[in-house]
Amino acid sequence: MSRCYRLFVVATGITEKQLQKVCSKQFGWEGDASFWKGEVTFDGNGTLYGGMSEQEAHEEIYNALKKINPAAKIKTQWTYMESLPYEEYGDDIN
């Protein structure tokens, strides 16, 4: 069973190209990397398969980036997209 997530990564000590390669090519996330104020970010969407947890997926991405630069600082943020809270406004339809 797969679960759809939004992945946001913030890092220092890694280039945009390196972050894009790890997130998109190595782990299959669809998104873009950018650089702003000394930090590189990746914002994308994808799925976790086979019961993989957010923590396990974080560790895979984290370890892959640490191989590039052991001194890099890396943070990931996971948003589960299939059950977001929402508010409804307007007329009842039925």
Protein backbone atom coordinates (compact mmCIF):
# COMPACT_ATOMS: atom_id res chain seq x y z
CA MET A 1 0.00 0.00 0.00
CA SER A 2 1.37 3.41 -0.88
CA ARG A 3 0.79 6.69 0.91
CA CYS A 4 1.04 10.08 -0.80
CA TYR A 5 3.23 12.73 0.86
CA ARG A 6 4.58 16.20 0.30
CA LEU A 7 8.30 16.24 1.08
CA PHE A 8 10.11 19.44 1.99
CA VAL A 9 13.87 19.29 2.59
CA VAL A 10 16.06 22.11 3.89
CA ALA A 11 19.84 21.68 3.85
CA THR A 12 23.15 23.49 4.06
CA GLY A 13 26.40 22.14 2.66
CA ILE A 14 24.65 20.54 -0.34
CA THR A 15 24.12 22.06 -3.79
CA GLU A 16 20.78 22.33 -5.57
CA LYS A 17 21.97 19.80 -8.14
CA GLN A 18 23.02 17.30 -5.46
CA LEU A 19 19.73 17.67 -3.56
CA GLN A 20 17.68 17.32 -6.76
CA LYS A 21 19.63 14.21 -7.76
CA VAL A 22 19.14 12.49 -4.41
CA CYS A 23 15.45 13.34 -3.98
CA SER A 24 14.31 12.89 -7.58
CA LYS A 25 16.65 10.49 -9.31
CA GLN A 26 17.66 8.29 -6.38
CA PHE A 27 14.39 8.20 -4.44
CA GLY A 28 11.80 9.12 -7.10
CA TRP A 29 10.24 12.26 -5.60
CA GLU A 30 8.76 14.72 -8.11
CA GLY A 31 9.73 18.28 -7.31
CA ASP A 32 12.30 21.03 -7.59
CA ALA A 33 15.33 22.18 -5.64
CA SER A 34 16.14 25.85 -5.14
CA PHE A 35 18.63 28.01 -3.25
CA TRP A 36 17.73 30.94 -1.00
CA LYS A 37 19.55 32.73 1.82
CA GLY A 38 22.30 30.15 2.24
CA GLU A 39 19.97 27.14 2.25
CA VAL A 40 19.00 24.73 -0.48
CA THR A 41 15.45 23.37 -0.44
CA PHE A 42 13.55 20.62 -2.20
CA ASP A 43 9.75 20.76 -2.44
CA GLY A 44 8.09 17.74 -3.98
CA ASN A 45 5.48 14.99 -3.90
CA GLY A 46 5.73 11.25 -3.86
CA THR A 47 4.75 8.06 -2.10
CA LEU A 48 6.02 5.81 0.65
CA TYR A 49 5.61 2.12 -0.14
CA GLY A 50 5.37 -1.12 1.77
CA GLY A 51 4.67 0.34 5.17
CA MET A 52 7.78 2.54 5.19
CA SER A 53 7.52 5.22 7.87
CA GLU A 54 8.35 8.89 7.49
CA GLN A 55 11.31 8.33 9.85
CA GLU A 56 12.67 5.49 7.68
CA ALA A 57 12.31 7.59 4.51
CA HIS A 58 13.99 10.54 6.27
CA GLU A 59 16.92 8.31 7.24
CA GLU A 60 17.39 7.11 3.64
CA ILE A 61 17.49 10.66 2.26
CA TYR A 62 19.54 11.95 5.21
CA ASN A 63 22.17 9.21 4.85
CA ALA A 64 22.42 9.69 1.08
CA LEU A 65 23.04 13.43 1.54
CA LYS A 66 25.51 12.88 4.41
CA LYS A 67 27.56 10.66 2.05
CA ILE A 68 27.95 13.70 -0.21
CA ASN A 69 28.98 15.99 2.65
CA PRO A 70 29.23 14.63 6.22
CA ALA A 71 29.15 18.20 7.57
CA ALA A 72 25.83 19.03 5.84
CA LYS A 73 22.83 20.01 7.95
CA ILE A 74 19.61 18.36 6.76
CA LYS A 75 15.99 18.58 7.87
CA THR A 76 12.99 16.91 6.23
CA GLN A 77 9.30 17.73 6.67
CA TRP A 78 6.59 15.22 5.73
CA THR A 79 2.94 16.10 5.07
CA TYR A 80 0.49 13.22 4.62
CA MET A 81 -1.67 14.36 1.70
CA GLU A 82 -4.47 11.80 1.85
CA SER A 83 -6.11 12.95 5.06
CA LEU A 84 -5.61 16.69 5.42
CA PRO A 85 -7.98 18.66 7.62
CA TYR A 86 -10.24 21.07 5.79
CA GLU A 87 -13.10 23.52 6.31
CA GLU A 88 -16.20 23.78 4.12
CA TYR A 89 -18.16 26.97 3.48
CA GLY A 90 -21.23 27.68 1.42
CA ASP A 91 -24.57 26.06 0.69
CA ASP A 92 -25.50 22.46 1.39
CA ILE A 93 -25.83 20.54 -1.87
CA ASN A 94 -28.16 17.51 -1.91
